[in-house]
Amino acid sequence: MNPYKKSKLVVVFSILLVFSLSFLFLTVKQDMKIPYLTDGIRQSMSSIDDIISKPSHFFSNQKDVVNELMFAYKENQELKETLAGLENSISEMESLKKENESLRQNLNMKEQHMDKPLFSALVSVRSPKSWNQELILNIGQNAGLKDDMLIVANGSLIGTIESLASDSTKVKLLTNSDDFSKIPVKISLESTEVYGILSGYDTDTHSFIVNQLNSDVHISEGSSVVTSDLDGGTPSNIPVGKVSSVRTSSSNLNRELFIQPSANFSNIYAVTVVGQ
């Protein structure tokens, strides 16, 4: 473009701009009313104000929405924390109830075996890796415990002492199918009693196995099984379980009884150690 024409255009534009601003000043500040021009300017200003105010209103509304969402999120987090605390409290209460029930049943055991040395103990360690094999008690030789004593929980036999330390005891559970302690037992029938040996644990049926029976009399399912002192050293009449099935060989003397344990091996909190 010709430099002369370009300069002329700039001058004309500047004059028009000054003229427009002057009229705008007179119209707005001095309240002068120039027909058409005043109305046009005011309409233009109103349109510009609308264009500017809409984003402002939009962002103001979005701010309120964000604040409401933040409040809802905070309230949700507080409710989650409260719910978690209640669940923990309920779990602790259930654990205490089970422990109290275990202690109550152990107290009944003491009343039934007042002629035997009895020791109360708590389970201090029970590892998930050896859950069905063993557990550790919080008392040991210093409390008077000896080898081969029987361990009772929830009123029923659960194991024997495997090893002793001064202030702790390792218990071998009857659900330990790899290393089972044989214990003499008695099956109570209506007219007689049959003696045998608690000799194993079947992991498929979750049952104890009793064999070496001393009689070929019929044994019904549901018959009670307790410990026997027939060997002269085992504390008698400690509940073991009930007969769930009978497997018979060619000779009735070689029968095997499958015993449903009466003890709950999942919930062992407190135990009673029964001596001879």
C-alpha atoms as a PDB file:
ATOM      1  CA  MET A   1       0.000   0.000   0.000  1.00  0.00           C
ATOM      2  CA  ASN A   2       1.123   3.634  -0.731  1.00  0.00           C
ATOM      3  CA  PRO A   3       2.669   5.129   2.445  1.00  0.00           C
ATOM      4  CA  TYR A   4       0.738   8.372   1.840  1.00  0.00           C
ATOM      5  CA  LYS A   5      -2.589   6.560   1.651  1.00  0.00           C
ATOM      6  CA  LYS A   6      -1.705   4.491   4.726  1.00  0.00           C
ATOM      7  CA  SER A   7      -0.962   7.644   6.770  1.00  0.00           C
ATOM      8  CA  LYS A   8      -4.180   9.241   5.582  1.00  0.00           C
ATOM      9  CA  LEU A   9      -6.162   6.226   6.702  1.00  0.00           C
ATOM     10  CA  VAL A  10      -4.586   6.276  10.171  1.00  0.00           C
ATOM     11  CA  VAL A  11      -5.464   9.968  10.571  1.00  0.00           C
ATOM     12  CA  VAL A  12      -9.078   9.422   9.497  1.00  0.00           C
ATOM     13  CA  PHE A  13      -9.446   6.450  11.872  1.00  0.00           C
ATOM     14  CA  SER A  14      -7.978   8.458  14.754  1.00  0.00           C
ATOM     15  CA  ILE A  15     -10.396  11.366  14.123  1.00  0.00           C
ATOM     16  CA  LEU A  16     -13.351   8.985  14.044  1.00  0.00           C
ATOM     17  CA  LEU A  17     -12.206   7.301  17.257  1.00  0.00           C
ATOM     18  CA  VAL A  18     -11.845  10.623  19.066  1.00  0.00           C
ATOM     19  CA  PHE A  19     -15.191  11.728  17.762  1.00  0.00           C
ATOM     20  CA  SER A  20     -16.886   8.507  18.913  1.00  0.00           C
ATOM     21  CA  LEU A  21     -15.330   8.641  22.366  1.00  0.00           C
ATOM     22  CA  SER A  22     -16.341  12.270  22.752  1.00  0.00           C
ATOM     23  CA  PHE A  23     -19.928  11.459  21.949  1.00  0.00           C
ATOM     24  CA  LEU A  24     -19.807   8.501  24.307  1.00  0.00           C
ATOM     25  CA  PHE A  25     -18.488  10.687  27.114  1.00  0.00           C
ATOM     26  CA  LEU A  26     -21.118  13.331  26.555  1.00  0.00           C
ATOM     27  CA  THR A  27     -23.865  10.764  26.394  1.00  0.00           C
ATOM     28  CA  VAL A  28     -22.896   8.791  29.491  1.00  0.00           C
ATOM     29  CA  LYS A  29     -21.385  11.396  31.804  1.00  0.00           C
ATOM     30  CA  GLN A  30     -23.300  14.550  30.829  1.00  0.00           C
ATOM     31  CA  ASP A  31     -26.567  12.785  30.151  1.00  0.00           C
ATOM     32  CA  MET A  32     -26.835  14.275  26.668  1.00  0.00           C
ATOM     33  CA  LYS A  33     -29.386  12.656  24.441  1.00  0.00           C
ATOM     34  CA  ILE A  34     -28.553  12.500  20.781  1.00  0.00           C
ATOM     35  CA  PRO A  35     -31.297  10.724  18.863  1.00  0.00           C
ATOM     36  CA  TYR A  36     -30.405   7.348  17.398  1.00  0.00           C
ATOM     37  CA  LEU A  37     -26.755   7.670  18.398  1.00  0.00           C
ATOM     38  CA  THR A  38     -27.520   7.649  22.138  1.00  0.00           C
ATOM     39  CA  ASP A  39     -29.856   4.719  21.826  1.00  0.00           C
ATOM     40  CA  GLY A  40     -27.385   2.836  19.665  1.00  0.00           C
ATOM     41  CA  ILE A  41     -24.560   3.391  22.106  1.00  0.00           C
ATOM     42  CA  ARG A  42     -26.683   2.313  25.056  1.00  0.00           C
ATOM     43  CA  GLN A  43     -27.821  -0.794  23.233  1.00  0.00           C
ATOM     44  CA  SER A  44     -24.236  -1.578  22.355  1.00  0.00           C
ATOM     45  CA  MET A  45     -23.154  -1.094  25.974  1.00  0.00           C
ATOM     46  CA  SER A  46     -26.044  -3.266  27.169  1.00  0.00           C
ATOM     47  CA  SER A  47     -25.051  -6.029  24.737  1.00  0.00           C
ATOM     48  CA  ILE A  48     -21.424  -5.822  25.848  1.00  0.00           C
ATOM     49  CA  ASP A  49     -22.538  -5.976  29.499  1.00  0.00           C
ATOM     50  CA  ASP A  50     -24.639  -9.066  28.759  1.00  0.00           C
ATOM     51  CA  ILE A  51     -21.729 -10.748  26.982  1.00  0.00           C
ATOM     52  CA  ILE A  52     -19.392 -10.029  29.917  1.00  0.00           C
ATOM     53  CA  SER A  53     -21.902 -10.945  32.649  1.00  0.00           C
ATOM     54  CA  LYS A  54     -22.877 -14.360  31.255  1.00  0.00           C
ATOM     55  CA  PRO A  55     -19.455 -15.975  31.771  1.00  0.00           C
ATOM     56  CA  SER A  56     -19.310 -14.363  35.202  1.00  0.00           C
ATOM     57  CA  HIS A  57     -22.672 -15.851  36.191  1.00  0.00           C
ATOM     58  CA  PHE A  58     -21.662 -19.208  34.706  1.00  0.00           C
ATOM     59  CA  PHE A  59     -18.442 -19.441  36.693  1.00  0.00           C
ATOM     60  CA  SER A  60     -20.217 -18.246  39.843  1.00  0.00           C
ATOM     61  CA  ASN A  61     -22.773 -21.036  39.471  1.00  0.00           C
ATOM     62  CA  GLN A  62     -20.034 -23.588  38.793  1.00  0.00           C
ATOM     63  CA  LYS A  63     -18.260 -22.467  41.952  1.00  0.00           C
ATOM     64  CA  ASP A  64     -21.408 -23.234  43.957  1.00  0.00           C
ATOM     65  CA  VAL A  65     -21.657 -26.665  42.327  1.00  0.00           C
ATOM     66  CA  VAL A  66     -17.999 -27.433  43.114  1.00  0.00           C
ATOM     67  CA  ASN A  67     -18.484 -26.323  46.734  1.00  0.00           C
ATOM     68  CA  GLU A  68     -21.503 -28.619  47.067  1.00  0.00           C
ATOM     69  CA  LEU A  69     -19.519 -31.529  45.595  1.00  0.00           C
ATOM     70  CA  MET A  70     -16.612 -30.908  47.983  1.00  0.00           C
ATOM     71  CA  PHE A  71     -19.018 -30.794  50.939  1.00  0.00           C
ATOM     72  CA  ALA A  72     -20.659 -34.067  49.798  1.00  0.00           C
ATOM     73  CA  TYR A  73     -17.233 -35.713  49.382  1.00  0.00           C
ATOM     74  CA  LYS A  74     -16.102 -34.599  52.857  1.00  0.00           C
ATOM     75  CA  GLU A  75     -19.368 -35.813  54.390  1.00  0.00           C
ATOM     76  CA  ASN A  76     -18.982 -39.154  52.565  1.00  0.00           C
ATOM     77  CA  GLN A  77     -15.447 -39.592  53.937  1.00  0.00           C
ATOM     78  CA  GLU A  78     -16.628 -38.851  57.470  1.00  0.00           C
ATOM     79  CA  LEU A  79     -19.441 -41.394  57.122  1.00  0.00           C
ATOM     80  CA  LYS A  80     -16.976 -44.013  55.859  1.00  0.00           C
ATOM     81  CA  GLU A  81     -14.695 -43.409  58.849  1.00  0.00           C
ATOM     82  CA  THR A  82     -17.654 -43.658  61.230  1.00  0.00           C
ATOM     83  CA  LEU A  83     -18.825 -46.890  59.583  1.00  0.00           C
ATOM     84  CA  ALA A  84     -15.321 -48.389  59.761  1.00  0.00           C
ATOM     85  CA  GLY A  85     -15.158 -47.520  63.466  1.00  0.00           C
ATOM     86  CA  LEU A  86     -18.532 -49.164  64.082  1.00  0.00           C
ATOM     87  CA  GLU A  87     -17.477 -52.301  62.192  1.00  0.00           C
ATOM     88  CA  ASN A  88     -14.300 -52.530  64.287  1.00  0.00           C
ATOM     89  CA  SER A  89     -16.325 -52.087  67.487  1.00  0.00           C
ATOM     90  CA  ILE A  90     -18.778 -54.805  66.430  1.00  0.00           C
ATOM     91  CA  SER A  91     -15.905 -57.146  65.557  1.00  0.00           C
ATOM     92  CA  GLU A  92     -14.278 -56.521  68.950  1.00  0.00           C
ATOM     93  CA  MET A  93     -17.604 -57.139  70.723  1.00  0.00           C
ATOM     94  CA  GLU A  94     -18.119 -60.421  68.855  1.00  0.00           C
ATOM     95  CA  SER A  95     -14.596 -61.504  69.743  1.00  0.00           C
ATOM     96  CA  LEU A  96     -15.179 -60.657  73.411  1.00  0.00           C
ATOM     97  CA  LYS A  97     -18.481 -62.575  73.403  1.00  0.00           C
ATOM     98  CA  LYS A  98     -16.782 -65.669  71.989  1.00  0.00           C
ATOM     99  CA  GLU A  99     -13.944 -65.368  74.481  1.00  0.00           C
ATOM    100  CA  ASN A 100     -16.402 -64.999  77.384  1.00  0.00           C
ATOM    101  CA  GLU A 101     -18.348 -68.030  76.192  1.00  0.00           C
ATOM    102  CA  SER A 102     -15.120 -70.019  75.976  1.00  0.00           C
ATOM    103  CA  LEU A 103     -14.176 -68.980  79.512  1.00  0.00           C
ATOM    104  CA  ARG A 104     -17.655 -69.919  80.755  1.00  0.00           C
ATOM    105  CA  GLN A 105     -17.397 -73.403  79.249  1.00  0.00           C
ATOM    106  CA  ASN A 106     -13.907 -73.808  80.690  1.00  0.00           C
ATOM    107  CA  LEU A 107     -15.324 -72.907  84.107  1.00  0.00           C
ATOM    108  CA  ASN A 108     -17.876 -75.693  83.699  1.00  0.00           C
ATOM    109  CA  MET A 109     -14.995 -78.033  82.869  1.00  0.00           C
ATOM    110  CA  LYS A 110     -13.325 -77.129  86.177  1.00  0.00           C
ATOM    111  CA  GLU A 111     -16.512 -77.934  88.062  1.00  0.00           C
ATOM    112  CA  GLN A 112     -16.765 -81.348  86.356  1.00  0.00           C
ATOM    113  CA  HIS A 113     -13.111 -82.293  86.948  1.00  0.00           C
ATOM    114  CA  MET A 114     -12.365 -80.950  90.403  1.00  0.00           C
ATOM    115  CA  ASP A 115     -10.255 -84.029  91.146  1.00  0.00           C
ATOM    116  CA  LYS A 116      -7.797 -83.151  88.344  1.00  0.00           C
ATOM    117  CA  PRO A 117      -5.158 -80.403  88.165  1.00  0.00           C
ATOM    118  CA  LEU A 118      -6.599 -77.717  85.871  1.00  0.00           C
ATOM    119  CA  PHE A 119      -4.908 -74.634  84.425  1.00  0.00           C
ATOM    120  CA  SER A 120      -6.504 -71.742  82.559  1.00  0.00           C
ATOM    121  CA  ALA A 121      -4.590 -70.212  79.656  1.00  0.00           C
ATOM    122  CA  LEU A 122      -5.048 -67.876  76.708  1.00  0.00           C
ATOM    123  CA  VAL A 123      -3.978 -68.462  73.125  1.00  0.00           C
ATOM    124  CA  SER A 124      -1.089 -66.081  72.452  1.00  0.00           C
ATOM    125  CA  VAL A 125      -0.059 -67.223  68.964  1.00  0.00           C
ATOM    126  CA  ARG A 126      -1.879 -69.059  66.196  1.00  0.00           C
ATOM    127  CA  SER A 127      -0.265 -68.682  62.803  1.00  0.00           C
ATOM    128  CA  PRO A 128      -2.356 -68.980  59.610  1.00  0.00           C
ATOM    129  CA  LYS A 129       0.414 -71.181  58.152  1.00  0.00           C
ATOM    130  CA  SER A 130      -0.065 -73.783  60.883  1.00  0.00           C
ATOM    131  CA  TRP A 131      -3.689 -73.025  61.738  1.00  0.00           C
ATOM    132  CA  ASN A 132      -4.758 -76.675  61.856  1.00  0.00           C
ATOM    133  CA  GLN A 133      -1.503 -77.980  63.321  1.00  0.00           C
ATOM    134  CA  GLU A 134      -0.606 -76.011  66.433  1.00  0.00           C
ATOM    135  CA  LEU A 135      -1.004 -72.964  68.650  1.00  0.00           C
ATOM    136  CA  ILE A 136       0.895 -71.330  71.509  1.00  0.00           C
ATOM    137  CA  LEU A 137      -0.404 -70.722  75.049  1.00  0.00           C
ATOM    138  CA  ASN A 138       0.676 -67.896  77.361  1.00  0.00           C
ATOM    139  CA  ILE A 139       1.701 -70.176  80.272  1.00  0.00           C
ATOM    140  CA  GLY A 140       4.278 -72.963  80.598  1.00  0.00           C
ATOM    141  CA  GLN A 141       6.377 -74.951  83.065  1.00  0.00           C
ATOM    142  CA  ASN A 142       6.440 -72.121  85.614  1.00  0.00           C
ATOM    143  CA  ALA A 143       2.666 -72.470  85.940  1.00  0.00           C
ATOM    144  CA  GLY A 144       2.933 -76.225  86.581  1.00  0.00           C
ATOM    145  CA  LEU A 145       2.211 -77.628  83.121  1.00  0.00           C
ATOM    146  CA  LYS A 146       3.649 -81.019  82.150  1.00  0.00           C
ATOM    147  CA  ASP A 147       4.070 -83.060  78.973  1.00  0.00           C
ATOM    148  CA  ASP A 148       1.095 -84.927  77.459  1.00  0.00           C
ATOM    149  CA  MET A 149      -1.571 -82.970  79.338  1.00  0.00           C
ATOM    150  CA  LEU A 150      -4.861 -82.590  77.452  1.00  0.00           C
ATOM    151  CA  ILE A 151      -6.042 -79.241  76.097  1.00  0.00           C
ATOM    152  CA  VAL A 152      -9.737 -78.385  76.233  1.00  0.00           C
ATOM    153  CA  ALA A 153     -11.504 -75.430  74.570  1.00  0.00           C
ATOM    154  CA  ASN A 154     -15.205 -74.601  74.507  1.00  0.00           C
ATOM    155  CA  GLY A 155     -15.811 -77.655  76.680  1.00  0.00           C
ATOM    156  CA  SER A 156     -14.276 -80.190  74.268  1.00  0.00           C
ATOM    157  CA  LEU A 157     -10.923 -81.816  73.575  1.00  0.00           C
ATOM    158  CA  ILE A 158      -8.768 -79.979  71.008  1.00  0.00           C
ATOM    159  CA  GLY A 159      -5.206 -81.276  71.488  1.00  0.00           C
ATOM    160  CA  THR A 160      -2.247 -82.254  73.644  1.00  0.00           C
ATOM    161  CA  ILE A 161       0.918 -80.543  74.863  1.00  0.00           C
ATOM    162  CA  GLU A 162       3.727 -80.961  72.351  1.00  0.00           C
ATOM    163  CA  SER A 163       6.503 -78.971  74.026  1.00  0.00           C
ATOM    164  CA  LEU A 164       6.998 -76.710  77.034  1.00  0.00           C
ATOM    165  CA  ALA A 165       8.963 -73.539  77.776  1.00  0.00           C
ATOM    166  CA  SER A 166       9.111 -71.642  81.029  1.00  0.00           C
ATOM    167  CA  ASP A 167       6.296 -69.240  80.122  1.00  0.00           C
ATOM    168  CA  SER A 168       4.734 -70.707  76.978  1.00  0.00           C
ATOM    169  CA  THR A 169       3.395 -74.008  75.645  1.00  0.00           C
ATOM    170  CA  LYS A 170       3.120 -75.413  72.143  1.00  0.00           C
ATOM    171  CA  VAL A 171      -0.119 -77.342  71.641  1.00  0.00           C
ATOM    172  CA  LYS A 172      -0.513 -80.017  68.980  1.00  0.00           C
ATOM    173  CA  LEU A 173      -4.086 -79.821  67.699  1.00  0.00           C
ATOM    174  CA  LEU A 174      -6.191 -82.911  66.947  1.00  0.00           C
ATOM    175  CA  THR A 175      -6.737 -81.523  63.442  1.00  0.00           C
ATOM    176  CA  ASN A 176      -3.028 -82.116  62.752  1.00  0.00           C
ATOM    177  CA  SER A 177      -3.378 -85.097  60.419  1.00  0.00           C
ATOM    178  CA  ASP A 178       0.391 -85.386  59.881  1.00  0.00           C
ATOM    179  CA  ASP A 179       1.324 -85.922  63.530  1.00  0.00           C
ATOM    180  CA  PHE A 180      -1.590 -87.263  65.548  1.00  0.00           C
ATOM    181  CA  SER A 181      -1.447 -88.123  69.244  1.00  0.00           C
ATOM    182  CA  LYS A 182      -3.337 -91.317  69.981  1.00  0.00           C
ATOM    183  CA  ILE A 183      -5.803 -91.021  72.874  1.00  0.00           C
ATOM    184  CA  PRO A 184      -7.999 -93.700  74.470  1.00  0.00           C
ATOM    185  CA  VAL A 185     -11.713 -92.984  74.122  1.00  0.00           C
ATOM    186  CA  LYS A 186     -15.053 -94.403  75.199  1.00  0.00           C
ATOM    187  CA  ILE A 187     -18.247 -94.650  73.127  1.00  0.00           C
ATOM    188  CA  SER A 188     -21.345 -94.518  75.279  1.00  0.00           C
ATOM    189  CA  LEU A 189     -24.224 -96.761  74.144  1.00  0.00           C
ATOM    190  CA  GLU A 190     -27.615 -97.410  75.712  1.00  0.00           C
ATOM    191  CA  SER A 191     -26.696-100.693  77.405  1.00  0.00           C
ATOM    192  CA  THR A 192     -22.917-100.772  77.328  1.00  0.00           C
ATOM    193  CA  GLU A 193     -19.695 -98.916  76.580  1.00  0.00           C
ATOM    194  CA  VAL A 194     -17.171 -99.572  73.834  1.00  0.00           C
ATOM    195  CA  TYR A 195     -13.528 -98.560  74.112  1.00  0.00           C
ATOM    196  CA  GLY A 196     -11.196 -97.641  71.292  1.00  0.00           C
ATOM    197  CA  ILE A 197      -8.293 -95.421  70.236  1.00  0.00           C
ATOM    198  CA  LEU A 198      -8.601 -91.942  68.763  1.00  0.00           C
ATOM    199  CA  SER A 199      -5.927 -92.453  66.131  1.00  0.00           C
ATOM    200  CA  GLY A 200      -6.242 -89.914  63.316  1.00  0.00           C
ATOM    201  CA  TYR A 201      -7.966 -87.035  61.559  1.00  0.00           C
ATOM    202  CA  ASP A 202      -9.552 -87.281  58.120  1.00  0.00           C
ATOM    203  CA  THR A 203      -9.142 -83.987  56.243  1.00  0.00           C
ATOM    204  CA  ASP A 204     -11.725 -84.927  53.599  1.00  0.00           C
ATOM    205  CA  THR A 205     -14.608 -85.375  56.045  1.00  0.00           C
ATOM    206  CA  HIS A 206     -13.138 -83.185  58.829  1.00  0.00           C
ATOM    207  CA  SER A 207     -13.650 -86.077  61.222  1.00  0.00           C
ATOM    208  CA  PHE A 208     -11.620 -87.895  63.860  1.00  0.00           C
ATOM    209  CA  ILE A 209     -10.975 -91.604  63.304  1.00  0.00           C
ATOM    210  CA  VAL A 210     -11.456 -94.156  66.088  1.00  0.00           C
ATOM    211  CA  ASN A 211     -10.340 -97.763  65.661  1.00  0.00           C
ATOM    212  CA  GLN A 212      -9.079-100.752  67.701  1.00  0.00           C
ATOM    213  CA  LEU A 213     -12.544-101.190  69.207  1.00  0.00           C
ATOM    214  CA  ASN A 214     -12.837-103.760  71.992  1.00  0.00           C
ATOM    215  CA  SER A 215     -16.316-104.963  71.022  1.00  0.00           C
ATOM    216  CA  ASP A 216     -18.300-105.845  67.921  1.00  0.00           C
ATOM    217  CA  VAL A 217     -21.647-104.527  69.256  1.00  0.00           C
ATOM    218  CA  HIS A 218     -23.675-102.254  66.991  1.00  0.00           C
ATOM    219  CA  ILE A 219     -22.724 -98.591  67.280  1.00  0.00           C
ATOM    220  CA  SER A 220     -25.306 -96.066  66.170  1.00  0.00           C
ATOM    221  CA  GLU A 221     -24.576 -92.762  64.504  1.00  0.00           C
ATOM    222  CA  GLY A 222     -24.885 -89.923  66.990  1.00  0.00           C
ATOM    223  CA  SER A 223     -23.358 -91.905  69.866  1.00  0.00           C
ATOM    224  CA  SER A 224     -21.247 -89.749  72.177  1.00  0.00           C
ATOM    225  CA  VAL A 225     -17.476 -90.146  72.340  1.00  0.00           C
ATOM    226  CA  VAL A 226     -15.426 -89.026  75.363  1.00  0.00           C
ATOM    227  CA  THR A 227     -11.901 -89.631  76.627  1.00  0.00           C
ATOM    228  CA  SER A 228     -11.187 -92.774  78.625  1.00  0.00           C
ATOM    229  CA  ASP A 229      -8.819 -93.439  81.530  1.00  0.00           C
ATOM    230  CA  LEU A 230      -8.497 -97.077  80.520  1.00  0.00           C
ATOM    231  CA  ASP A 231      -4.741 -96.584  80.079  1.00  0.00           C
ATOM    232  CA  GLY A 232      -4.505 -95.369  83.677  1.00  0.00           C
ATOM    233  CA  GLY A 233      -3.204 -91.901  82.820  1.00  0.00           C
ATOM    234  CA  THR A 234      -5.612 -90.043  80.543  1.00  0.00           C
ATOM    235  CA  PRO A 235      -8.245 -87.801  82.178  1.00  0.00           C
ATOM    236  CA  SER A 236     -11.661 -89.329  81.488  1.00  0.00           C
ATOM    237  CA  ASN A 237     -15.025 -88.045  80.257  1.00  0.00           C
ATOM    238  CA  ILE A 238     -13.769 -85.065  78.266  1.00  0.00           C
ATOM    239  CA  PRO A 239     -16.103 -84.640  75.264  1.00  0.00           C
ATOM    240  CA  VAL A 240     -14.565 -85.499  71.880  1.00  0.00           C
ATOM    241  CA  GLY A 241     -17.548 -85.618  69.521  1.00  0.00           C
ATOM    242  CA  LYS A 242     -20.301 -87.810  68.106  1.00  0.00           C
ATOM    243  CA  VAL A 243     -20.206 -90.791  65.743  1.00  0.00           C
ATOM    244  CA  SER A 244     -21.020 -89.599  62.229  1.00  0.00           C
ATOM    245  CA  SER A 245     -20.436 -92.864  60.332  1.00  0.00           C
ATOM    246  CA  VAL A 246     -19.144 -96.430  60.745  1.00  0.00           C
ATOM    247  CA  ARG A 247     -16.932 -98.231  58.256  1.00  0.00           C
ATOM    248  CA  THR A 248     -16.910-101.997  58.656  1.00  0.00           C
ATOM    249  CA  SER A 249     -14.372-104.489  57.336  1.00  0.00           C
ATOM    250  CA  SER A 250     -14.785-108.288  57.135  1.00  0.00           C
ATOM    251  CA  SER A 251     -14.369-108.399  60.914  1.00  0.00           C
ATOM    252  CA  ASN A 252     -16.364-106.067  63.093  1.00  0.00           C
ATOM    253  CA  LEU A 253     -13.335-105.711  65.344  1.00  0.00           C
ATOM    254  CA  ASN A 254     -11.604-103.805  62.538  1.00  0.00           C
ATOM    255  CA  ARG A 255     -14.318-101.199  62.268  1.00  0.00           C
ATOM    256  CA  GLU A 256     -13.461 -97.525  61.987  1.00  0.00           C
ATOM    257  CA  LEU A 257     -15.645 -94.839  63.487  1.00  0.00           C
ATOM    258  CA  PHE A 258     -15.711 -91.340  62.021  1.00  0.00           C
ATOM    259  CA  ILE A 259     -16.320 -88.780  64.747  1.00  0.00           C
ATOM    260  CA  GLN A 260     -17.704 -85.287  64.184  1.00  0.00           C
ATOM    261  CA  PRO A 261     -15.697 -83.057  66.597  1.00  0.00           C
ATOM    262  CA  SER A 262     -17.733 -81.224  69.199  1.00  0.00           C
ATOM    263  CA  ALA A 263     -15.062 -78.504  69.496  1.00  0.00           C
ATOM    264  CA  ASN A 264     -15.063 -75.477  67.189  1.00  0.00           C
ATOM    265  CA  PHE A 265     -11.465 -75.310  65.983  1.00  0.00           C
ATOM    266  CA  SER A 266     -12.011 -71.971  64.264  1.00  0.00           C
ATOM    267  CA  ASN A 267     -12.680 -70.061  67.481  1.00  0.00           C
ATOM    268  CA  ILE A 268     -10.140 -70.936  70.157  1.00  0.00           C
ATOM    269  CA  TYR A 269      -9.396 -68.027  72.493  1.00  0.00           C
ATOM    270  CA  ALA A 270      -9.094 -69.508  75.980  1.00  0.00           C
ATOM    271  CA  VAL A 271      -8.314 -73.087  77.008  1.00  0.00           C
ATOM    272  CA  THR A 272      -8.182 -75.344  80.034  1.00  0.00           C
ATOM    273  CA  VAL A 273      -5.176 -77.629  80.464  1.00  0.00           C
ATOM    274  CA  VAL A 274      -6.197 -80.889  82.164  1.00  0.00           C
ATOM    275  CA  GLY A 275      -3.622 -82.946  84.027  1.00  0.00           C
ATOM    276  CA  GLN A 276      -3.684 -86.550  85.211  1.00  0.00           C
END
